[in-house]
Amino acid sequence: MSFQPVSGMLDACVLAVLSREDAYGYILTQNVKEAFEVSESTLYPVLRRLERDDCLSAYDVPYQGRNRRYYRITAKGKDRFISYVDSWDDYKRKIDRIFSGNMLGGAADVQN
């Protein structure tokens, strides 16, 4: 069983990959696949949206007679990525608390 990406998670993963280095679509897809099953056709709308939101810029590089479109994170994209990391840390802490049984309240507190 695997978890499906929640809203914003694909954006966050794309920005995470691009925060390390520029990349083109296929490489981005392969990196994001480490976390989620995703196809290039799923990722390209995410890239276009992030580019429209000024979180990414794109440029072409000739490769074997064709152009390869590379994506680069912008300053706004870096800020958004930092925000995603902060949100993820908070979310992960809450989920870890539930998984480990360290929840607040509940029947165990009533009996004690």
C-alpha atoms as a PDB file:
ATOM      1  CA  MET A   1       0.000   0.000   0.000  1.00  0.00           C
ATOM      2  CA  SER A   2       1.193   3.487  -0.743  1.00  0.00           C
ATOM      3  CA  PHE A   3      -0.093   6.917   0.189  1.00  0.00           C
ATOM      4  CA  GLN A   4      -1.445   9.208  -2.492  1.00  0.00           C
ATOM      5  CA  PRO A   5      -0.025  12.721  -2.723  1.00  0.00           C
ATOM      6  CA  VAL A   6      -2.143  15.309  -0.961  1.00  0.00           C
ATOM      7  CA  SER A   7      -2.736  18.795  -2.253  1.00  0.00           C
ATOM      8  CA  GLY A   8       0.507  20.713  -2.627  1.00  0.00           C
ATOM      9  CA  MET A   9       2.717  17.666  -2.115  1.00  0.00           C
ATOM     10  CA  LEU A  10       3.698  17.400  -5.779  1.00  0.00           C
ATOM     11  CA  ASP A  11       4.503  21.107  -5.834  1.00  0.00           C
ATOM     12  CA  ALA A  12       6.650  20.684  -2.724  1.00  0.00           C
ATOM     13  CA  CYS A  13       8.505  17.681  -4.172  1.00  0.00           C
ATOM     14  CA  VAL A  14       9.206  19.479  -7.469  1.00  0.00           C
ATOM     15  CA  LEU A  15      10.507  22.524  -5.605  1.00  0.00           C
ATOM     16  CA  ALA A  16      12.631  20.273  -3.383  1.00  0.00           C
ATOM     17  CA  VAL A  17      14.315  18.646  -6.384  1.00  0.00           C
ATOM     18  CA  LEU A  18      14.870  22.002  -8.080  1.00  0.00           C
ATOM     19  CA  SER A  19      16.222  23.567  -4.900  1.00  0.00           C
ATOM     20  CA  ARG A  20      19.301  21.374  -5.410  1.00  0.00           C
ATOM     21  CA  GLU A  21      19.787  21.803  -9.164  1.00  0.00           C
ATOM     22  CA  ASP A  22      18.047  22.657 -12.422  1.00  0.00           C
ATOM     23  CA  ALA A  23      16.423  19.668 -14.095  1.00  0.00           C
ATOM     24  CA  TYR A  24      14.297  18.689 -17.073  1.00  0.00           C
ATOM     25  CA  GLY A  25      10.945  16.889 -16.976  1.00  0.00           C
ATOM     26  CA  TYR A  26      12.108  13.279 -17.172  1.00  0.00           C
ATOM     27  CA  ILE A  27      14.660  13.727 -14.369  1.00  0.00           C
ATOM     28  CA  LEU A  28      12.108  15.545 -12.228  1.00  0.00           C
ATOM     29  CA  THR A  29       9.647  12.690 -12.748  1.00  0.00           C
ATOM     30  CA  GLN A  30      12.229  10.078 -11.770  1.00  0.00           C
ATOM     31  CA  ASN A  31      13.100  11.983  -8.591  1.00  0.00           C
ATOM     32  CA  VAL A  32       9.476  12.538  -7.576  1.00  0.00           C
ATOM     33  CA  LYS A  33       8.790   8.835  -8.206  1.00  0.00           C
ATOM     34  CA  GLU A  34      10.970   8.163  -5.162  1.00  0.00           C
ATOM     35  CA  ALA A  35       7.968   9.346  -3.110  1.00  0.00           C
ATOM     36  CA  PHE A  36       4.902   8.977  -5.369  1.00  0.00           C
ATOM     37  CA  GLU A  37       3.900   7.052  -8.442  1.00  0.00           C
ATOM     38  CA  VAL A  38       3.678   9.875 -10.954  1.00  0.00           C
ATOM     39  CA  SER A  39       3.971  10.184 -14.725  1.00  0.00           C
ATOM     40  CA  GLU A  40       5.440  12.978 -16.800  1.00  0.00           C
ATOM     41  CA  SER A  41       1.923  13.804 -18.029  1.00  0.00           C
ATOM     42  CA  THR A  42       0.893  14.370 -14.394  1.00  0.00           C
ATOM     43  CA  LEU A  43       3.944  16.464 -13.606  1.00  0.00           C
ATOM     44  CA  TYR A  44       3.873  18.849 -16.574  1.00  0.00           C
ATOM     45  CA  PRO A  45       0.694  20.678 -15.434  1.00  0.00           C
ATOM     46  CA  VAL A  46       2.377  21.122 -12.031  1.00  0.00           C
ATOM     47  CA  LEU A  47       5.440  22.602 -13.736  1.00  0.00           C
ATOM     48  CA  ARG A  48       3.320  24.956 -15.843  1.00  0.00           C
ATOM     49  CA  ARG A  49       1.362  26.114 -12.791  1.00  0.00           C
ATOM     50  CA  LEU A  50       4.542  26.721 -10.764  1.00  0.00           C
ATOM     51  CA  GLU A  51       5.989  28.631 -13.706  1.00  0.00           C
ATOM     52  CA  ARG A  52       2.810  30.754 -13.977  1.00  0.00           C
ATOM     53  CA  ASP A  53       3.076  31.445 -10.224  1.00  0.00           C
ATOM     54  CA  ASP A  54       6.679  32.679 -10.736  1.00  0.00           C
ATOM     55  CA  CYS A  55       8.079  29.838  -8.626  1.00  0.00           C
ATOM     56  CA  LEU A  56       9.969  28.393 -11.606  1.00  0.00           C
ATOM     57  CA  SER A  57      11.594  29.673 -14.743  1.00  0.00           C
ATOM     58  CA  ALA A  58      12.318  27.555 -17.803  1.00  0.00           C
ATOM     59  CA  TYR A  59      15.016  27.547 -20.438  1.00  0.00           C
ATOM     60  CA  ASP A  60      15.895  25.266 -23.354  1.00  0.00           C
ATOM     61  CA  VAL A  61      19.177  23.446 -23.910  1.00  0.00           C
ATOM     62  CA  PRO A  62      19.975  21.749 -27.242  1.00  0.00           C
ATOM     63  CA  TYR A  63      20.362  17.979 -26.842  1.00  0.00           C
ATOM     64  CA  GLN A  64      20.836  15.522 -29.727  1.00  0.00           C
ATOM     65  CA  GLY A  65      19.162  17.786 -32.274  1.00  0.00           C
ATOM     66  CA  ARG A  66      16.248  18.727 -30.003  1.00  0.00           C
ATOM     67  CA  ASN A  67      15.701  21.158 -27.180  1.00  0.00           C
ATOM     68  CA  ARG A  68      15.404  19.956 -23.620  1.00  0.00           C
ATOM     69  CA  ARG A  69      13.363  22.226 -21.354  1.00  0.00           C
ATOM     70  CA  TYR A  70      15.072  22.768 -18.004  1.00  0.00           C
ATOM     71  CA  TYR A  71      13.394  24.235 -14.959  1.00  0.00           C
ATOM     72  CA  ARG A  72      15.022  26.471 -12.351  1.00  0.00           C
ATOM     73  CA  ILE A  73      13.598  27.488  -8.991  1.00  0.00           C
ATOM     74  CA  THR A  74      13.140  31.245  -8.483  1.00  0.00           C
ATOM     75  CA  ALA A  75      13.434  33.290  -5.292  1.00  0.00           C
ATOM     76  CA  LYS A  76       9.646  33.070  -4.879  1.00  0.00           C
ATOM     77  CA  GLY A  77       9.872  29.306  -5.391  1.00  0.00           C
ATOM     78  CA  LYS A  78      12.572  29.040  -2.711  1.00  0.00           C
ATOM     79  CA  ASP A  79      10.348  30.956  -0.282  1.00  0.00           C
ATOM     80  CA  ARG A  80       7.414  28.678  -1.087  1.00  0.00           C
ATOM     81  CA  PHE A  81       9.629  25.598  -0.631  1.00  0.00           C
ATOM     82  CA  ILE A  82      10.729  26.817   2.818  1.00  0.00           C
ATOM     83  CA  SER A  83       7.059  27.302   3.702  1.00  0.00           C
ATOM     84  CA  TYR A  84       6.299  23.742   2.541  1.00  0.00           C
ATOM     85  CA  VAL A  85       9.162  22.378   4.664  1.00  0.00           C
ATOM     86  CA  ASP A  86       7.850  24.201   7.746  1.00  0.00           C
ATOM     87  CA  SER A  87       4.323  22.906   7.121  1.00  0.00           C
ATOM     88  CA  TRP A  88       5.631  19.391   6.513  1.00  0.00           C
ATOM     89  CA  ASP A  89       7.602  19.388   9.776  1.00  0.00           C
ATOM     90  CA  ASP A  90       4.461  20.370  11.701  1.00  0.00           C
ATOM     91  CA  TYR A  91       2.301  17.810   9.852  1.00  0.00           C
ATOM     92  CA  LYS A  92       4.871  15.039  10.331  1.00  0.00           C
ATOM     93  CA  ARG A  93       5.112  15.764  14.057  1.00  0.00           C
ATOM     94  CA  LYS A  94       1.330  15.403  14.404  1.00  0.00           C
ATOM     95  CA  ILE A  95       1.197  12.177  12.399  1.00  0.00           C
ATOM     96  CA  ASP A  96       4.148  10.738  14.352  1.00  0.00           C
ATOM     97  CA  ARG A  97       2.288  11.533  17.583  1.00  0.00           C
ATOM     98  CA  ILE A  98      -0.758   9.606  16.359  1.00  0.00           C
ATOM     99  CA  PHE A  99       1.281   6.658  15.055  1.00  0.00           C
ATOM    100  CA  SER A 100       3.260   6.367  18.293  1.00  0.00           C
ATOM    101  CA  GLY A 101       0.163   6.556  20.488  1.00  0.00           C
ATOM    102  CA  ASN A 102       1.167   9.814  22.174  1.00  0.00           C
ATOM    103  CA  MET A 103      -2.168  11.511  21.507  1.00  0.00           C
ATOM    104  CA  LEU A 104      -3.838  13.983  23.833  1.00  0.00           C
ATOM    105  CA  GLY A 105      -7.010  12.916  25.659  1.00  0.00           C
ATOM    106  CA  GLY A 106      -8.798   9.674  24.899  1.00  0.00           C
ATOM    107  CA  ALA A 107      -9.915   6.710  26.981  1.00  0.00           C
ATOM    108  CA  ALA A 108      -6.514   6.150  28.594  1.00  0.00           C
ATOM    109  CA  ASP A 109      -6.635   9.681  30.143  1.00  0.00           C
ATOM    110  CA  VAL A 110     -10.223   9.163  31.407  1.00  0.00           C
ATOM    111  CA  GLN A 111      -9.296   5.926  33.210  1.00  0.00           C
ATOM    112  CA  ASN A 112      -6.255   7.411  34.950  1.00  0.00           C
END
